Amino acid sequence: MGNIKFVKEDKEVIAADGANLRLKAMQNDIDIYKFIGKMTNCNGNGQCGTCIVEIVEGMENLSPRTDVENRKFQKKPDSYRLACQTLVNGPVSVVTKP
């Protein structure tokens, strides 16, 4: 079990090991999409790149970056992840819409 702290929202949620970050955010009414992403997102298939989050603590408690993320974030910091491709395995702090 791990806690996910959503920094901007000042909200903390509990997640079982292996929980999908996008799904946990949505289940807890955390808005991870910017305006255009609300209409154009791919529903968690890792294709659109609109569910970008920044991990500020606990990177070691997440699944490794996927090939999709590596391609999309070639010029972005290592702390950027696609929420739909990220599995949580321990405490983590997340900034939405970086």
C-alpha atoms as a PDB file:
ATOM      1  CA  MET A   1       0.000   0.000   0.000  1.00  0.00           C
ATOM      2  CA  GLY A   2       1.106   3.513  -0.718  1.00  0.00           C
ATOM      3  CA  ASN A   3      -0.243   6.997  -0.399  1.00  0.00           C
ATOM      4  CA  ILE A   4      -0.487   9.240  -3.426  1.00  0.00           C
ATOM      5  CA  LYS A   5      -0.252  12.915  -2.517  1.00  0.00           C
ATOM      6  CA  PHE A   6      -1.618  15.265  -5.150  1.00  0.00           C
ATOM      7  CA  VAL A   7       0.300  18.442  -4.324  1.00  0.00           C
ATOM      8  CA  LYS A   8      -1.750  21.176  -6.080  1.00  0.00           C
ATOM      9  CA  GLU A   9      -5.025  19.697  -4.846  1.00  0.00           C
ATOM     10  CA  ASP A  10      -3.682  19.142  -1.307  1.00  0.00           C
ATOM     11  CA  LYS A  11      -5.285  15.709  -1.333  1.00  0.00           C
ATOM     12  CA  GLU A  12      -3.897  12.322  -0.328  1.00  0.00           C
ATOM     13  CA  VAL A  13      -5.348   8.991  -1.429  1.00  0.00           C
ATOM     14  CA  ILE A  14      -4.503   5.418  -0.526  1.00  0.00           C
ATOM     15  CA  ALA A  15      -3.537   3.035  -3.307  1.00  0.00           C
ATOM     16  CA  ALA A  16      -2.895  -0.696  -3.350  1.00  0.00           C
ATOM     17  CA  ASP A  17       0.441  -1.793  -4.814  1.00  0.00           C
ATOM     18  CA  GLY A  18       0.255  -1.814  -8.590  1.00  0.00           C
ATOM     19  CA  ALA A  19      -2.553   0.763  -8.768  1.00  0.00           C
ATOM     20  CA  ASN A  20      -2.747   2.816 -11.962  1.00  0.00           C
ATOM     21  CA  LEU A  21      -2.064   6.494 -11.229  1.00  0.00           C
ATOM     22  CA  ARG A  22      -4.612   7.821 -13.760  1.00  0.00           C
ATOM     23  CA  LEU A  23      -7.396   5.601 -12.448  1.00  0.00           C
ATOM     24  CA  LYS A  24      -6.688   6.502  -8.804  1.00  0.00           C
ATOM     25  CA  ALA A  25      -6.770  10.199  -9.693  1.00  0.00           C
ATOM     26  CA  MET A  26     -10.079   9.840 -11.525  1.00  0.00           C
ATOM     27  CA  GLN A  27     -11.627   7.727  -8.753  1.00  0.00           C
ATOM     28  CA  ASN A  28     -10.804  10.515  -6.297  1.00  0.00           C
ATOM     29  CA  ASP A  29     -12.007  13.458  -8.409  1.00  0.00           C
ATOM     30  CA  ILE A  30      -8.497  14.691  -9.216  1.00  0.00           C
ATOM     31  CA  ASP A  31      -8.490  16.474 -12.579  1.00  0.00           C
ATOM     32  CA  ILE A  32      -5.302  15.528 -14.438  1.00  0.00           C
ATOM     33  CA  TYR A  33      -6.256  16.919 -17.854  1.00  0.00           C
ATOM     34  CA  LYS A  34      -5.827  20.422 -19.197  1.00  0.00           C
ATOM     35  CA  PHE A  35      -8.804  21.827 -21.121  1.00  0.00           C
ATOM     36  CA  ILE A  36      -8.082  20.272 -24.535  1.00  0.00           C
ATOM     37  CA  GLY A  37      -7.093  16.961 -22.943  1.00  0.00           C
ATOM     38  CA  LYS A  38     -10.541  16.597 -21.415  1.00  0.00           C
ATOM     39  CA  MET A  39     -11.948  16.233 -24.921  1.00  0.00           C
ATOM     40  CA  THR A  40      -9.111  14.516 -26.759  1.00  0.00           C
ATOM     41  CA  ASN A  41      -7.706  11.999 -24.273  1.00  0.00           C
ATOM     42  CA  CYS A  42      -7.283   8.361 -25.317  1.00  0.00           C
ATOM     43  CA  ASN A  43      -8.940   6.938 -22.170  1.00  0.00           C
ATOM     44  CA  GLY A  44      -5.706   5.630 -20.713  1.00  0.00           C
ATOM     45  CA  ASN A  45      -4.186   3.848 -23.705  1.00  0.00           C
ATOM     46  CA  GLY A  46      -0.921   5.813 -23.670  1.00  0.00           C
ATOM     47  CA  GLN A  47      -1.458   7.291 -27.119  1.00  0.00           C
ATOM     48  CA  CYS A  48      -2.358  10.959 -26.633  1.00  0.00           C
ATOM     49  CA  GLY A  49       0.063  12.215 -23.979  1.00  0.00           C
ATOM     50  CA  THR A  50      -2.519  14.431 -22.258  1.00  0.00           C
ATOM     51  CA  CYS A  51      -2.327  12.889 -18.764  1.00  0.00           C
ATOM     52  CA  ILE A  52       1.133  14.277 -17.998  1.00  0.00           C
ATOM     53  CA  VAL A  53       2.066  14.541 -14.326  1.00  0.00           C
ATOM     54  CA  GLU A  54       5.295  15.427 -12.555  1.00  0.00           C
ATOM     55  CA  ILE A  55       6.591  13.203  -9.787  1.00  0.00           C
ATOM     56  CA  VAL A  56       8.164  15.309  -7.041  1.00  0.00           C
ATOM     57  CA  GLU A  57       8.762  12.535  -4.492  1.00  0.00           C
ATOM     58  CA  GLY A  58       8.804   8.745  -4.574  1.00  0.00           C
ATOM     59  CA  MET A  59       9.996   8.098  -8.132  1.00  0.00           C
ATOM     60  CA  GLU A  60      11.520   4.853  -6.853  1.00  0.00           C
ATOM     61  CA  ASN A  61       8.029   3.643  -5.911  1.00  0.00           C
ATOM     62  CA  LEU A  62       6.736   3.729  -9.488  1.00  0.00           C
ATOM     63  CA  SER A  63       6.899   1.339 -12.396  1.00  0.00           C
ATOM     64  CA  PRO A  64       9.686   2.120 -14.888  1.00  0.00           C
ATOM     65  CA  ARG A  65       8.945   4.470 -17.766  1.00  0.00           C
ATOM     66  CA  THR A  66       7.403   2.677 -20.732  1.00  0.00           C
ATOM     67  CA  ASP A  67       8.695   2.908 -24.311  1.00  0.00           C
ATOM     68  CA  VAL A  68       5.733   5.181 -25.079  1.00  0.00           C
ATOM     69  CA  GLU A  69       6.783   7.567 -22.296  1.00  0.00           C
ATOM     70  CA  ASN A  70      10.428   7.501 -23.379  1.00  0.00           C
ATOM     71  CA  ARG A  71       9.401   8.547 -26.899  1.00  0.00           C
ATOM     72  CA  LYS A  72       6.969  11.268 -25.749  1.00  0.00           C
ATOM     73  CA  PHE A  73       9.328  12.739 -23.130  1.00  0.00           C
ATOM     74  CA  GLN A  74      12.667  12.806 -24.965  1.00  0.00           C
ATOM     75  CA  LYS A  75      13.121  16.506 -24.165  1.00  0.00           C
ATOM     76  CA  LYS A  76      11.302  16.568 -20.800  1.00  0.00           C
ATOM     77  CA  PRO A  77      12.630  15.940 -17.281  1.00  0.00           C
ATOM     78  CA  ASP A  78      12.814  12.340 -16.013  1.00  0.00           C
ATOM     79  CA  SER A  79      10.213  13.307 -13.420  1.00  0.00           C
ATOM     80  CA  TYR A  80       7.479  13.630 -16.098  1.00  0.00           C
ATOM     81  CA  ARG A  81       5.215  10.614 -16.496  1.00  0.00           C
ATOM     82  CA  LEU A  82       1.997   9.668 -18.247  1.00  0.00           C
ATOM     83  CA  ALA A  83      -0.432   8.891 -15.437  1.00  0.00           C
ATOM     84  CA  CYS A  84      -2.071   6.164 -17.535  1.00  0.00           C
ATOM     85  CA  GLN A  85       1.228   4.306 -17.895  1.00  0.00           C
ATOM     86  CA  THR A  86       2.345   4.645 -14.270  1.00  0.00           C
ATOM     87  CA  LEU A  87       1.819   2.009 -11.596  1.00  0.00           C
ATOM     88  CA  VAL A  88       2.211   3.015  -7.949  1.00  0.00           C
ATOM     89  CA  ASN A  89       4.007   0.690  -5.504  1.00  0.00           C
ATOM     90  CA  GLY A  90       4.578   2.988  -2.534  1.00  0.00           C
ATOM     91  CA  PRO A  91       4.309   6.596  -1.333  1.00  0.00           C
ATOM     92  CA  VAL A  92       4.534   9.226  -4.054  1.00  0.00           C
ATOM     93  CA  SER A  93       3.883  12.960  -4.498  1.00  0.00           C
ATOM     94  CA  VAL A  94       2.422  14.134  -7.792  1.00  0.00           C
ATOM     95  CA  VAL A  95       1.950  17.541  -9.429  1.00  0.00           C
ATOM     96  CA  THR A  96      -0.876  17.504 -11.949  1.00  0.00           C
ATOM     97  CA  LYS A  97      -0.782  19.565 -15.167  1.00  0.00           C
ATOM     98  CA  PRO A  98       2.894  20.550 -14.865  1.00  0.00           C
END
